Amino acid sequence: MKSIHAIAFMFLLGLWSTIASAHDTRPLYIRIIERAPCQYDIQSVVPVSVTRNNIPWLEFPDHMVLDSSSMVVLERGNGIRVSYNIACAFNGLKGSLINVVYPLFNPAITTICIVEFVDGSEFHQIIGPDRNEIIIPKDLDRATIAGDYTLLGIEHIWAGIDHLFFVGCLLWIAGMGRKLLWTITGFTIAHSITLVLTSLGYIDLPIPPIEATIALSILFLCFEIIHHHRDRSSLTYRYPVLVSSSFGLLHGMGFASVLGSIGIPSTHKLTALLFFNIGVEIGQLLFIIVLGVVVWMVTLSFKEIGWRQNWLIWQTRLMYVTVYGIGILSSYWMFDRLIG
């Protein structure tokens, strides 16, 4: 079963090693604020992956009127910010349908919409890349928030390549036995604690140093794998749960920064937090399962064609190449996040 680790890095982690930055797939953020009955401020952040001539616009119901003089378009490092005002003579947005329209083509990105009403209630909806309709219900639904934030958690862990690199390194160090169970459990408990505390405002630390330290945690595991994979005598190899728990506290703050940029509905805050964390765990579990299935299939193939002995040699070579690649990429992330 030792070969599971090197194949894992080669086929899944190595697949992403050419990407220059983590969390590169950002969604379209739309925030609608009701500042008075039937008067709304519209704010959207278009990710850098969308070109300026393809900035989406929102198609509101016929009774909504756009104030074109209020429109402001600003370019920022993380995308293009668009803001304007709309008003209506009757009713409001509750029970309405909004279309997200791209002038040229749909770039297949997720859309996150947040609506804040003057009565203090909030509506959050996450729509997938294949959809363009935002349906605002008349009554806010706790079940919808649970489903949306579960999906958001899954998407975040899969788009968060740095988190997957960290989990992949833990797999190599802990192996596939009982030690892996304790290691992943420690990581889960630790990042769940800081995710909740940071999201609720009990912990308030600057995000760039946290993100840089997350990259450093991957670099540390790469060092341990390269220098101690033979004797397995280091503290990390003997007690990987200590490392996973310690760095898990930092990763939880990184997860919380995503919720901070999106926002948490004040009326269903605990529901959103709980199911976002559940989504992260589901995404993490799916990653481990896929990792194991791919490795098992490739290892079995090598056995069947009689290359078992050669494979034991190649797995070490692949491990060195992949771990060095991940380490170099993690170093880039660390300095980039500190400077940026």
C-alpha atoms as a PDB file:
ATOM      1  CA  MET A   1       0.000   0.000   0.000  1.00  0.00           C
ATOM      2  CA  LYS A   2       2.981   2.354   0.201  1.00  0.00           C
ATOM      3  CA  SER A   3       2.706   2.985  -3.540  1.00  0.00           C
ATOM      4  CA  ILE A   4      -0.623   4.663  -2.973  1.00  0.00           C
ATOM      5  CA  HIS A   5       1.102   7.861  -1.966  1.00  0.00           C
ATOM      6  CA  ALA A   6       3.433   8.471  -4.888  1.00  0.00           C
ATOM      7  CA  ILE A   7       0.721   7.691  -7.454  1.00  0.00           C
ATOM      8  CA  ALA A   8      -1.636   9.967  -5.591  1.00  0.00           C
ATOM      9  CA  PHE A   9       0.698  12.925  -5.913  1.00  0.00           C
ATOM     10  CA  MET A  10       1.407  12.183  -9.556  1.00  0.00           C
ATOM     11  CA  PHE A  11      -2.166  11.861 -10.759  1.00  0.00           C
ATOM     12  CA  LEU A  12      -4.075  14.292  -8.569  1.00  0.00           C
ATOM     13  CA  LEU A  13      -1.805  16.690  -6.752  1.00  0.00           C
ATOM     14  CA  GLY A  14       0.664  16.874  -9.614  1.00  0.00           C
ATOM     15  CA  LEU A  15      -2.227  17.689 -11.932  1.00  0.00           C
ATOM     16  CA  TRP A  16      -2.501  21.088 -10.269  1.00  0.00           C
ATOM     17  CA  SER A  17       1.194  21.793  -9.737  1.00  0.00           C
ATOM     18  CA  THR A  18       1.351  24.003 -12.835  1.00  0.00           C
ATOM     19  CA  ILE A  19      -1.175  26.429 -11.395  1.00  0.00           C
ATOM     20  CA  ALA A  20       0.427  29.651 -10.199  1.00  0.00           C
ATOM     21  CA  SER A  21      -1.923  30.473  -7.342  1.00  0.00           C
ATOM     22  CA  ALA A  22      -4.436  28.810  -5.058  1.00  0.00           C
ATOM     23  CA  HIS A  23      -8.123  29.687  -4.948  1.00  0.00           C
ATOM     24  CA  ASP A  24      -7.894  30.858  -8.542  1.00  0.00           C
ATOM     25  CA  THR A  25     -11.466  30.006  -9.463  1.00  0.00           C
ATOM     26  CA  ARG A  26     -13.393  32.854  -7.873  1.00  0.00           C
ATOM     27  CA  PRO A  27     -17.158  33.247  -8.178  1.00  0.00           C
ATOM     28  CA  LEU A  28     -19.223  36.249  -9.205  1.00  0.00           C
ATOM     29  CA  TYR A  29     -20.361  38.064  -6.046  1.00  0.00           C
ATOM     30  CA  ILE A  30     -23.635  39.981  -6.097  1.00  0.00           C
ATOM     31  CA  ARG A  31     -24.826  41.956  -3.075  1.00  0.00           C
ATOM     32  CA  ILE A  32     -28.216  43.679  -3.100  1.00  0.00           C
ATOM     33  CA  ILE A  33     -28.965  46.027  -0.200  1.00  0.00           C
ATOM     34  CA  GLU A  34     -32.458  47.400   0.417  1.00  0.00           C
ATOM     35  CA  ARG A  35     -31.698  50.845   1.882  1.00  0.00           C
ATOM     36  CA  ALA A  36     -35.399  51.849   1.952  1.00  0.00           C
ATOM     37  CA  PRO A  37     -38.637  50.144   0.854  1.00  0.00           C
ATOM     38  CA  CYS A  38     -38.356  49.534  -2.911  1.00  0.00           C
ATOM     39  CA  GLN A  39     -34.926  51.212  -3.125  1.00  0.00           C
ATOM     40  CA  TYR A  40     -31.878  49.005  -3.634  1.00  0.00           C
ATOM     41  CA  ASP A  41     -28.109  49.368  -3.904  1.00  0.00           C
ATOM     42  CA  ILE A  42     -26.546  46.801  -6.238  1.00  0.00           C
ATOM     43  CA  GLN A  43     -22.902  45.813  -5.742  1.00  0.00           C
ATOM     44  CA  SER A  44     -21.100  43.115  -7.688  1.00  0.00           C
ATOM     45  CA  VAL A  45     -17.525  41.880  -7.875  1.00  0.00           C
ATOM     46  CA  VAL A  46     -16.632  40.310 -11.216  1.00  0.00           C
ATOM     47  CA  PRO A  47     -13.590  37.979 -10.956  1.00  0.00           C
ATOM     48  CA  VAL A  48     -10.456  38.583 -13.002  1.00  0.00           C
ATOM     49  CA  SER A  49     -11.260  35.533 -15.136  1.00  0.00           C
ATOM     50  CA  VAL A  50     -14.068  37.548 -16.783  1.00  0.00           C
ATOM     51  CA  THR A  51     -12.955  40.099 -19.375  1.00  0.00           C
ATOM     52  CA  ARG A  52     -14.117  43.695 -19.206  1.00  0.00           C
ATOM     53  CA  ASN A  53     -16.242  43.395 -22.376  1.00  0.00           C
ATOM     54  CA  ASN A  54     -18.079  40.430 -20.846  1.00  0.00           C
ATOM     55  CA  ILE A  55     -19.090  42.014 -17.512  1.00  0.00           C
ATOM     56  CA  PRO A  56     -22.505  40.586 -16.597  1.00  0.00           C
ATOM     57  CA  TRP A  57     -25.536  42.738 -15.965  1.00  0.00           C
ATOM     58  CA  LEU A  58     -28.631  41.886 -13.941  1.00  0.00           C
ATOM     59  CA  GLU A  59     -32.034  41.687 -15.576  1.00  0.00           C
ATOM     60  CA  PHE A  60     -34.641  42.693 -12.966  1.00  0.00           C
ATOM     61  CA  PRO A  61     -38.446  42.431 -13.167  1.00  0.00           C
ATOM     62  CA  ASP A  62     -40.226  45.042 -15.285  1.00  0.00           C
ATOM     63  CA  HIS A  63     -41.376  47.068 -12.272  1.00  0.00           C
ATOM     64  CA  MET A  64     -37.737  47.761 -11.270  1.00  0.00           C
ATOM     65  CA  VAL A  65     -36.085  50.894 -12.716  1.00  0.00           C
ATOM     66  CA  LEU A  66     -32.312  51.360 -13.071  1.00  0.00           C
ATOM     67  CA  ASP A  67     -30.734  54.690 -12.138  1.00  0.00           C
ATOM     68  CA  SER A  68     -28.021  54.780 -14.835  1.00  0.00           C
ATOM     69  CA  SER A  69     -26.431  57.933 -13.386  1.00  0.00           C
ATOM     70  CA  SER A  70     -25.493  56.009 -10.233  1.00  0.00           C
ATOM     71  CA  MET A  71     -23.413  53.370 -12.039  1.00  0.00           C
ATOM     72  CA  VAL A  72     -19.745  53.123 -11.031  1.00  0.00           C
ATOM     73  CA  VAL A  73     -17.223  50.645 -12.479  1.00  0.00           C
ATOM     74  CA  LEU A  74     -13.860  50.265 -10.732  1.00  0.00           C
ATOM     75  CA  GLU A  75     -11.011  47.840 -11.432  1.00  0.00           C
ATOM     76  CA  ARG A  76      -9.361  46.232  -8.417  1.00  0.00           C
ATOM     77  CA  GLY A  77      -6.730  43.553  -7.979  1.00  0.00           C
ATOM     78  CA  ASN A  78      -9.297  40.826  -7.318  1.00  0.00           C
ATOM     79  CA  GLY A  79     -11.653  41.840 -10.133  1.00  0.00           C
ATOM     80  CA  ILE A  80     -13.991  44.549 -11.395  1.00  0.00           C
ATOM     81  CA  ARG A  81     -16.433  46.188  -8.966  1.00  0.00           C
ATOM     82  CA  VAL A  82     -19.734  47.451 -10.336  1.00  0.00           C
ATOM     83  CA  SER A  83     -22.296  49.398  -8.304  1.00  0.00           C
ATOM     84  CA  TYR A  84     -25.581  51.165  -9.110  1.00  0.00           C
ATOM     85  CA  ASN A  85     -29.074  51.806  -7.742  1.00  0.00           C
ATOM     86  CA  ILE A  86     -32.515  50.530  -8.699  1.00  0.00           C
ATOM     87  CA  ALA A  87     -35.989  51.459  -7.486  1.00  0.00           C
ATOM     88  CA  CYS A  88     -39.579  50.361  -7.918  1.00  0.00           C
ATOM     89  CA  ALA A  89     -42.979  51.957  -7.471  1.00  0.00           C
ATOM     90  CA  PHE A  90     -44.596  48.921  -5.859  1.00  0.00           C
ATOM     91  CA  ASN A  91     -43.789  45.522  -4.339  1.00  0.00           C
ATOM     92  CA  GLY A  92     -40.114  44.671  -3.929  1.00  0.00           C
ATOM     93  CA  LEU A  93     -37.648  41.923  -4.722  1.00  0.00           C
ATOM     94  CA  LYS A  94     -39.181  39.234  -2.511  1.00  0.00           C
ATOM     95  CA  GLY A  95     -40.771  36.643  -4.755  1.00  0.00           C
ATOM     96  CA  SER A  96     -38.965  37.974  -7.830  1.00  0.00           C
ATOM     97  CA  LEU A  97     -36.632  36.420 -10.398  1.00  0.00           C
ATOM     98  CA  ILE A  98     -33.335  38.023 -11.483  1.00  0.00           C
ATOM     99  CA  ASN A  99     -31.371  36.907 -14.545  1.00  0.00           C
ATOM    100  CA  VAL A 100     -27.580  37.157 -14.757  1.00  0.00           C
ATOM    101  CA  VAL A 101     -26.804  38.060 -18.377  1.00  0.00           C
ATOM    102  CA  TYR A 102     -23.328  37.966 -19.944  1.00  0.00           C
ATOM    103  CA  PRO A 103     -22.931  40.085 -23.123  1.00  0.00           C
ATOM    104  CA  LEU A 104     -20.701  37.573 -24.930  1.00  0.00           C
ATOM    105  CA  PHE A 105     -20.821  34.151 -23.266  1.00  0.00           C
ATOM    106  CA  ASN A 106     -21.301  32.464 -19.925  1.00  0.00           C
ATOM    107  CA  PRO A 107     -17.771  31.877 -18.500  1.00  0.00           C
ATOM    108  CA  ALA A 108     -19.060  28.972 -16.382  1.00  0.00           C
ATOM    109  CA  ILE A 109     -18.412  30.405 -12.917  1.00  0.00           C
ATOM    110  CA  THR A 110     -20.441  30.090  -9.743  1.00  0.00           C
ATOM    111  CA  THR A 111     -22.591  33.048  -8.694  1.00  0.00           C
ATOM    112  CA  ILE A 112     -23.118  33.978  -5.051  1.00  0.00           C
ATOM    113  CA  CYS A 113     -25.985  36.378  -4.379  1.00  0.00           C
ATOM    114  CA  ILE A 114     -26.695  38.080  -1.058  1.00  0.00           C
ATOM    115  CA  VAL A 115     -29.789  40.211  -0.503  1.00  0.00           C
ATOM    116  CA  GLU A 116     -30.126  42.314   2.660  1.00  0.00           C
ATOM    117  CA  PHE A 117     -33.613  43.622   3.343  1.00  0.00           C
ATOM    118  CA  VAL A 118     -34.509  46.727   5.305  1.00  0.00           C
ATOM    119  CA  ASP A 119     -36.376  44.636   7.895  1.00  0.00           C
ATOM    120  CA  GLY A 120     -33.102  42.924   8.855  1.00  0.00           C
ATOM    121  CA  SER A 121     -33.711  39.641   7.034  1.00  0.00           C
ATOM    122  CA  GLU A 122     -31.213  38.281   4.527  1.00  0.00           C
ATOM    123  CA  PHE A 123     -31.277  35.928   1.554  1.00  0.00           C
ATOM    124  CA  HIS A 124     -28.264  33.987   0.297  1.00  0.00           C
ATOM    125  CA  GLN A 125     -28.199  31.878  -2.842  1.00  0.00           C
ATOM    126  CA  ILE A 126     -25.440  30.053  -4.681  1.00  0.00           C
ATOM    127  CA  ILE A 127     -26.129  29.123  -8.290  1.00  0.00           C
ATOM    128  CA  GLY A 128     -23.915  26.825 -10.324  1.00  0.00           C
ATOM    129  CA  PRO A 129     -22.016  27.670 -13.519  1.00  0.00           C
ATOM    130  CA  ASP A 130     -24.790  26.199 -15.667  1.00  0.00           C
ATOM    131  CA  ARG A 131     -27.508  28.482 -14.261  1.00  0.00           C
ATOM    132  CA  ASN A 132     -28.245  32.195 -14.579  1.00  0.00           C
ATOM    133  CA  GLU A 133     -31.469  32.642 -12.599  1.00  0.00           C
ATOM    134  CA  ILE A 134     -31.617  34.008  -9.053  1.00  0.00           C
ATOM    135  CA  ILE A 135     -34.988  33.289  -7.465  1.00  0.00           C
ATOM    136  CA  ILE A 136     -35.682  35.347  -4.346  1.00  0.00           C
ATOM    137  CA  PRO A 137     -38.377  33.656  -2.238  1.00  0.00           C
ATOM    138  CA  LYS A 138     -41.033  35.514  -0.306  1.00  0.00           C
ATOM    139  CA  ASP A 139     -40.005  33.704   2.872  1.00  0.00           C
ATOM    140  CA  LEU A 140     -36.403  32.813   3.696  1.00  0.00           C
ATOM    141  CA  ASP A 141     -35.805  29.051   3.849  1.00  0.00           C
ATOM    142  CA  ARG A 142     -33.343  27.516   6.316  1.00  0.00           C
ATOM    143  CA  ALA A 143     -33.097  24.366   4.177  1.00  0.00           C
ATOM    144  CA  THR A 144     -31.990  26.400   1.150  1.00  0.00           C
ATOM    145  CA  ILE A 145     -29.227  28.044   3.167  1.00  0.00           C
ATOM    146  CA  ALA A 146     -28.086  24.643   4.440  1.00  0.00           C
ATOM    147  CA  GLY A 147     -27.893  23.241   0.914  1.00  0.00           C
ATOM    148  CA  ASP A 148     -26.176  26.296  -0.548  1.00  0.00           C
ATOM    149  CA  TYR A 149     -23.509  26.521   2.147  1.00  0.00           C
ATOM    150  CA  THR A 150     -22.829  22.792   1.964  1.00  0.00           C
ATOM    151  CA  LEU A 151     -22.200  23.216  -1.761  1.00  0.00           C
ATOM    152  CA  LEU A 152     -20.015  26.249  -1.069  1.00  0.00           C
ATOM    153  CA  GLY A 153     -17.900  24.246   1.383  1.00  0.00           C
ATOM    154  CA  ILE A 154     -17.391  21.437  -1.138  1.00  0.00           C
ATOM    155  CA  GLU A 155     -16.477  23.883  -3.899  1.00  0.00           C
ATOM    156  CA  HIS A 156     -14.049  25.738  -1.646  1.00  0.00           C
ATOM    157  CA  ILE A 157     -12.064  22.682  -0.587  1.00  0.00           C
ATOM    158  CA  TRP A 158     -11.802  21.487  -4.200  1.00  0.00           C
ATOM    159  CA  ALA A 159     -10.846  24.924  -5.510  1.00  0.00           C
ATOM    160  CA  GLY A 160      -8.492  25.426  -2.555  1.00  0.00           C
ATOM    161  CA  ILE A 161      -5.519  23.598  -4.010  1.00  0.00           C
ATOM    162  CA  ASP A 162      -3.327  24.508  -1.052  1.00  0.00           C
ATOM    163  CA  HIS A 163      -5.703  22.738   1.351  1.00  0.00           C
ATOM    164  CA  LEU A 164      -5.718  19.632  -0.871  1.00  0.00           C
ATOM    165  CA  PHE A 165      -1.925  19.669  -1.057  1.00  0.00           C
ATOM    166  CA  PHE A 166      -1.843  19.703   2.739  1.00  0.00           C
ATOM    167  CA  VAL A 167      -4.281  16.786   3.006  1.00  0.00           C
ATOM    168  CA  GLY A 168      -2.311  14.877   0.360  1.00  0.00           C
ATOM    169  CA  CYS A 169       0.922  15.314   2.308  1.00  0.00           C
ATOM    170  CA  LEU A 170      -0.832  14.093   5.450  1.00  0.00           C
ATOM    171  CA  LEU A 171      -1.901  10.977   3.547  1.00  0.00           C
ATOM    172  CA  TRP A 172       1.706  10.224   2.658  1.00  0.00           C
ATOM    173  CA  ILE A 173       2.958  10.737   6.206  1.00  0.00           C
ATOM    174  CA  ALA A 174       0.153   8.976   8.096  1.00  0.00           C
ATOM    175  CA  GLY A 175      -0.361   6.054   5.707  1.00  0.00           C
ATOM    176  CA  MET A 176      -3.730   4.406   5.134  1.00  0.00           C
ATOM    177  CA  GLY A 177      -4.308   2.818   8.542  1.00  0.00           C
ATOM    178  CA  ARG A 178      -5.648   3.900  11.920  1.00  0.00           C
ATOM    179  CA  LYS A 179      -3.043   6.655  12.138  1.00  0.00           C
ATOM    180  CA  LEU A 180      -4.626   8.350   9.104  1.00  0.00           C
ATOM    181  CA  LEU A 181      -8.029   8.332  10.834  1.00  0.00           C
ATOM    182  CA  TRP A 182      -6.622  10.103  13.892  1.00  0.00           C
ATOM    183  CA  THR A 183      -4.641  12.527  11.736  1.00  0.00           C
ATOM    184  CA  ILE A 184      -7.606  13.601   9.610  1.00  0.00           C
ATOM    185  CA  THR A 185      -9.857  13.762  12.693  1.00  0.00           C
ATOM    186  CA  GLY A 186      -7.398  16.087  14.417  1.00  0.00           C
ATOM    187  CA  PHE A 187      -7.225  18.309  11.346  1.00  0.00           C
ATOM    188  CA  THR A 188     -11.034  18.391  11.102  1.00  0.00           C
ATOM    189  CA  ILE A 189     -11.621  19.278  14.766  1.00  0.00           C
ATOM    190  CA  ALA A 190      -8.913  21.952  14.757  1.00  0.00           C
ATOM    191  CA  HIS A 191     -10.036  23.784  11.626  1.00  0.00           C
ATOM    192  CA  SER A 192     -13.694  23.523  12.702  1.00  0.00           C
ATOM    193  CA  ILE A 193     -12.889  25.324  15.960  1.00  0.00           C
ATOM    194  CA  THR A 194     -11.079  28.271  14.361  1.00  0.00           C
ATOM    195  CA  LEU A 195     -13.576  28.433  11.489  1.00  0.00           C
ATOM    196  CA  VAL A 196     -16.416  29.020  13.943  1.00  0.00           C
ATOM    197  CA  LEU A 197     -14.489  31.345  16.281  1.00  0.00           C
ATOM    198  CA  THR A 198     -13.149  33.485  13.413  1.00  0.00           C
ATOM    199  CA  SER A 199     -16.487  33.665  11.601  1.00  0.00           C
ATOM    200  CA  LEU A 200     -18.254  34.731  14.803  1.00  0.00           C
ATOM    201  CA  GLY A 201     -15.651  37.450  15.458  1.00  0.00           C
ATOM    202  CA  TYR A 202     -13.932  35.947  18.506  1.00  0.00           C
ATOM    203  CA  ILE A 203     -10.662  35.711  16.552  1.00  0.00           C
ATOM    204  CA  ASP A 204      -9.618  38.604  14.346  1.00  0.00           C
ATOM    205  CA  LEU A 205      -6.240  38.205  12.669  1.00  0.00           C
ATOM    206  CA  PRO A 206      -5.008  39.638   9.344  1.00  0.00           C
ATOM    207  CA  ILE A 207      -5.667  37.192   6.508  1.00  0.00           C
ATOM    208  CA  PRO A 208      -2.443  37.558   4.393  1.00  0.00           C
ATOM    209  CA  PRO A 209      -0.100  36.250   7.147  1.00  0.00           C
ATOM    210  CA  ILE A 210      -2.546  33.409   7.850  1.00  0.00           C
ATOM    211  CA  GLU A 211      -2.647  32.426   4.165  1.00  0.00           C
ATOM    212  CA  ALA A 212       1.144  32.673   3.986  1.00  0.00           C
ATOM    213  CA  THR A 213       1.498  30.371   7.002  1.00  0.00           C
ATOM    214  CA  ILE A 214      -0.889  27.877   5.380  1.00  0.00           C
ATOM    215  CA  ALA A 215       1.522  27.739   2.432  1.00  0.00           C
ATOM    216  CA  LEU A 216       4.376  27.341   4.929  1.00  0.00           C
ATOM    217  CA  SER A 217       2.568  24.357   6.496  1.00  0.00           C
ATOM    218  CA  ILE A 218       2.620  22.567   3.127  1.00  0.00           C
ATOM    219  CA  LEU A 219       6.311  23.408   2.704  1.00  0.00           C
ATOM    220  CA  PHE A 220       7.013  21.970   6.157  1.00  0.00           C
ATOM    221  CA  LEU A 221       5.297  18.671   5.280  1.00  0.00           C
ATOM    222  CA  CYS A 222       7.234  18.507   2.001  1.00  0.00           C
ATOM    223  CA  PHE A 223      10.486  18.886   3.967  1.00  0.00           C
ATOM    224  CA  GLU A 224       9.444  16.099   6.331  1.00  0.00           C
ATOM    225  CA  ILE A 225       8.580  13.758   3.457  1.00  0.00           C
ATOM    226  CA  ILE A 226      11.855  14.361   1.607  1.00  0.00           C
ATOM    227  CA  HIS A 227      14.113  14.018   4.648  1.00  0.00           C
ATOM    228  CA  HIS A 228      12.321  11.431   6.800  1.00  0.00           C
ATOM    229  CA  HIS A 229      10.314   9.168   4.472  1.00  0.00           C
ATOM    230  CA  ARG A 230      12.873   6.345   4.874  1.00  0.00           C
ATOM    231  CA  ASP A 231      13.464   6.226   8.619  1.00  0.00           C
ATOM    232  CA  ARG A 232      10.059   7.751   9.601  1.00  0.00           C
ATOM    233  CA  SER A 233      11.683   8.743  12.888  1.00  0.00           C
ATOM    234  CA  SER A 234      10.723  12.436  13.069  1.00  0.00           C
ATOM    235  CA  LEU A 235       8.045  13.759  15.405  1.00  0.00           C
ATOM    236  CA  THR A 236       5.831  14.434  12.395  1.00  0.00           C
ATOM    237  CA  TYR A 237       5.916  10.800  11.263  1.00  0.00           C
ATOM    238  CA  ARG A 238       5.537   9.407  14.783  1.00  0.00           C
ATOM    239  CA  TYR A 239       2.701  11.749  15.812  1.00  0.00           C
ATOM    240  CA  PRO A 240       1.147  13.254  12.662  1.00  0.00           C
ATOM    241  CA  VAL A 241      -2.012  14.168  14.584  1.00  0.00           C
ATOM    242  CA  LEU A 242      -0.035  16.857  16.438  1.00  0.00           C
ATOM    243  CA  VAL A 243       1.008  18.468  13.168  1.00  0.00           C
ATOM    244  CA  SER A 244      -2.423  18.146  11.542  1.00  0.00           C
ATOM    245  CA  SER A 245      -4.143  19.659  14.597  1.00  0.00           C
ATOM    246  CA  SER A 246      -1.685  22.537  14.945  1.00  0.00           C
ATOM    247  CA  PHE A 247      -1.794  23.572  11.305  1.00  0.00           C
ATOM    248  CA  GLY A 248      -5.513  22.793  11.173  1.00  0.00           C
ATOM    249  CA  LEU A 249      -6.114  25.825  13.391  1.00  0.00           C
ATOM    250  CA  LEU A 250      -4.571  28.007  10.665  1.00  0.00           C
ATOM    251  CA  HIS A 251      -6.480  26.334   7.852  1.00  0.00           C
ATOM    252  CA  GLY A 252      -9.728  26.997   9.720  1.00  0.00           C
ATOM    253  CA  MET A 253      -8.972  30.718   9.689  1.00  0.00           C
ATOM    254  CA  GLY A 254      -8.369  30.441   5.951  1.00  0.00           C
ATOM    255  CA  PHE A 255     -11.778  28.799   5.507  1.00  0.00           C
ATOM    256  CA  ALA A 256     -13.342  31.588   7.568  1.00  0.00           C
ATOM    257  CA  SER A 257     -11.857  34.248   5.276  1.00  0.00           C
ATOM    258  CA  VAL A 258     -13.990  32.847   2.451  1.00  0.00           C
ATOM    259  CA  LEU A 259     -17.137  33.222   4.529  1.00  0.00           C
ATOM    260  CA  GLY A 260     -15.994  36.686   5.549  1.00  0.00           C
ATOM    261  CA  SER A 261     -15.791  37.828   1.930  1.00  0.00           C
ATOM    262  CA  ILE A 262     -19.146  36.276   1.076  1.00  0.00           C
ATOM    263  CA  GLY A 263     -21.053  37.079   4.228  1.00  0.00           C
ATOM    264  CA  ILE A 264     -23.120  34.970   6.603  1.00  0.00           C
ATOM    265  CA  PRO A 265     -26.893  35.477   6.918  1.00  0.00           C
ATOM    266  CA  SER A 266     -27.513  37.037  10.328  1.00  0.00           C
ATOM    267  CA  THR A 267     -30.838  35.216  10.710  1.00  0.00           C
ATOM    268  CA  HIS A 268     -29.315  31.774  10.013  1.00  0.00           C
ATOM    269  CA  LYS A 269     -25.686  32.289  11.014  1.00  0.00           C
ATOM    270  CA  LEU A 270     -25.187  28.986  12.835  1.00  0.00           C
ATOM    271  CA  THR A 271     -26.885  27.045  10.036  1.00  0.00           C
ATOM    272  CA  ALA A 272     -24.577  28.591   7.435  1.00  0.00           C
ATOM    273  CA  LEU A 273     -21.476  27.917   9.563  1.00  0.00           C
ATOM    274  CA  LEU A 274     -22.448  24.329  10.330  1.00  0.00           C
ATOM    275  CA  PHE A 275     -23.242  23.323   6.771  1.00  0.00           C
ATOM    276  CA  PHE A 276     -20.277  25.146   5.250  1.00  0.00           C
ATOM    277  CA  ASN A 277     -18.067  23.104   7.542  1.00  0.00           C
ATOM    278  CA  ILE A 278     -19.976  19.933   6.637  1.00  0.00           C
ATOM    279  CA  GLY A 279     -19.389  20.775   2.974  1.00  0.00           C
ATOM    280  CA  VAL A 280     -15.657  21.148   3.614  1.00  0.00           C
ATOM    281  CA  GLU A 281     -15.577  17.720   5.279  1.00  0.00           C
ATOM    282  CA  ILE A 282     -17.554  16.122   2.439  1.00  0.00           C
ATOM    283  CA  GLY A 283     -15.186  17.628  -0.125  1.00  0.00           C
ATOM    284  CA  GLN A 284     -12.176  16.460   1.879  1.00  0.00           C
ATOM    285  CA  LEU A 285     -13.573  12.921   2.160  1.00  0.00           C
ATOM    286  CA  LEU A 286     -14.352  12.804  -1.568  1.00  0.00           C
ATOM    287  CA  PHE A 287     -10.775  13.859  -2.310  1.00  0.00           C
ATOM    288  CA  ILE A 288      -9.370  11.035  -0.162  1.00  0.00           C
ATOM    289  CA  ILE A 289     -11.708   8.483  -1.766  1.00  0.00           C
ATOM    290  CA  VAL A 290     -10.856   9.571  -5.310  1.00  0.00           C
ATOM    291  CA  LEU A 291      -7.184   9.541  -4.383  1.00  0.00           C
ATOM    292  CA  GLY A 292      -7.417   5.981  -3.132  1.00  0.00           C
ATOM    293  CA  VAL A 293      -9.436   4.690  -6.094  1.00  0.00           C
ATOM    294  CA  VAL A 294      -7.061   6.179  -8.685  1.00  0.00           C
ATOM    295  CA  VAL A 295      -4.001   4.845  -6.893  1.00  0.00           C
ATOM    296  CA  TRP A 296      -5.498   1.382  -6.457  1.00  0.00           C
ATOM    297  CA  MET A 297      -6.359   1.182 -10.161  1.00  0.00           C
ATOM    298  CA  VAL A 298      -2.903   2.286 -11.302  1.00  0.00           C
ATOM    299  CA  THR A 299      -1.095   0.008  -8.841  1.00  0.00           C
ATOM    300  CA  LEU A 300      -3.232  -2.942  -9.955  1.00  0.00           C
ATOM    301  CA  SER A 301      -2.404  -2.189 -13.580  1.00  0.00           C
ATOM    302  CA  PHE A 302       1.336  -2.264 -12.848  1.00  0.00           C
ATOM    303  CA  LYS A 303       0.908  -5.596 -11.073  1.00  0.00           C
ATOM    304  CA  GLU A 304      -1.016  -7.192 -13.915  1.00  0.00           C
ATOM    305  CA  ILE A 305       1.506  -6.301 -16.603  1.00  0.00           C
ATOM    306  CA  GLY A 306       4.370  -7.588 -14.478  1.00  0.00           C
ATOM    307  CA  TRP A 307       5.950  -4.205 -13.703  1.00  0.00           C
ATOM    308  CA  ARG A 308       5.550  -4.460  -9.949  1.00  0.00           C
ATOM    309  CA  GLN A 309       9.300  -4.390  -9.248  1.00  0.00           C
ATOM    310  CA  ASN A 310       9.896  -1.481 -11.615  1.00  0.00           C
ATOM    311  CA  TRP A 311       7.006   0.395 -10.069  1.00  0.00           C
ATOM    312  CA  LEU A 312       8.564   0.242  -6.611  1.00  0.00           C
ATOM    313  CA  ILE A 313      11.571   2.050  -8.084  1.00  0.00           C
ATOM    314  CA  TRP A 314       9.515   4.558 -10.017  1.00  0.00           C
ATOM    315  CA  GLN A 315       7.302   5.480  -7.080  1.00  0.00           C
ATOM    316  CA  THR A 316      10.299   6.908  -5.200  1.00  0.00           C
ATOM    317  CA  ARG A 317      11.340   8.947  -8.221  1.00  0.00           C
ATOM    318  CA  LEU A 318       7.828  10.234  -8.703  1.00  0.00           C
ATOM    319  CA  MET A 319       7.624  11.128  -5.027  1.00  0.00           C
ATOM    320  CA  TYR A 320      10.773  13.252  -5.191  1.00  0.00           C
ATOM    321  CA  VAL A 321       9.695  15.073  -8.350  1.00  0.00           C
ATOM    322  CA  THR A 322       6.160  15.753  -7.130  1.00  0.00           C
ATOM    323  CA  VAL A 323       7.020  16.754  -3.573  1.00  0.00           C
ATOM    324  CA  TYR A 324       9.750  19.104  -4.768  1.00  0.00           C
ATOM    325  CA  GLY A 325       7.238  20.612  -7.217  1.00  0.00           C
ATOM    326  CA  ILE A 326       4.664  21.120  -4.471  1.00  0.00           C
ATOM    327  CA  GLY A 327       7.325  22.593  -2.206  1.00  0.00           C
ATOM    328  CA  ILE A 328       8.429  25.098  -4.841  1.00  0.00           C
ATOM    329  CA  LEU A 329       4.836  26.090  -5.538  1.00  0.00           C
ATOM    330  CA  SER A 330       4.114  26.457  -1.817  1.00  0.00           C
ATOM    331  CA  SER A 331       7.190  28.687  -1.452  1.00  0.00           C
ATOM    332  CA  TYR A 332       5.865  30.898  -4.224  1.00  0.00           C
ATOM    333  CA  TRP A 333       2.463  31.134  -2.518  1.00  0.00           C
ATOM    334  CA  MET A 334       4.081  32.010   0.792  1.00  0.00           C
ATOM    335  CA  PHE A 335       6.141  34.932  -0.547  1.00  0.00           C
ATOM    336  CA  ASP A 336       3.357  36.084  -2.865  1.00  0.00           C
ATOM    337  CA  ARG A 337       0.867  36.261   0.006  1.00  0.00           C
ATOM    338  CA  LEU A 338       3.312  38.100   2.247  1.00  0.00           C
ATOM    339  CA  ILE A 339       4.200  40.663  -0.424  1.00  0.00           C
ATOM    340  CA  GLY A 340       0.666  40.986  -1.821  1.00  0.00           C
END
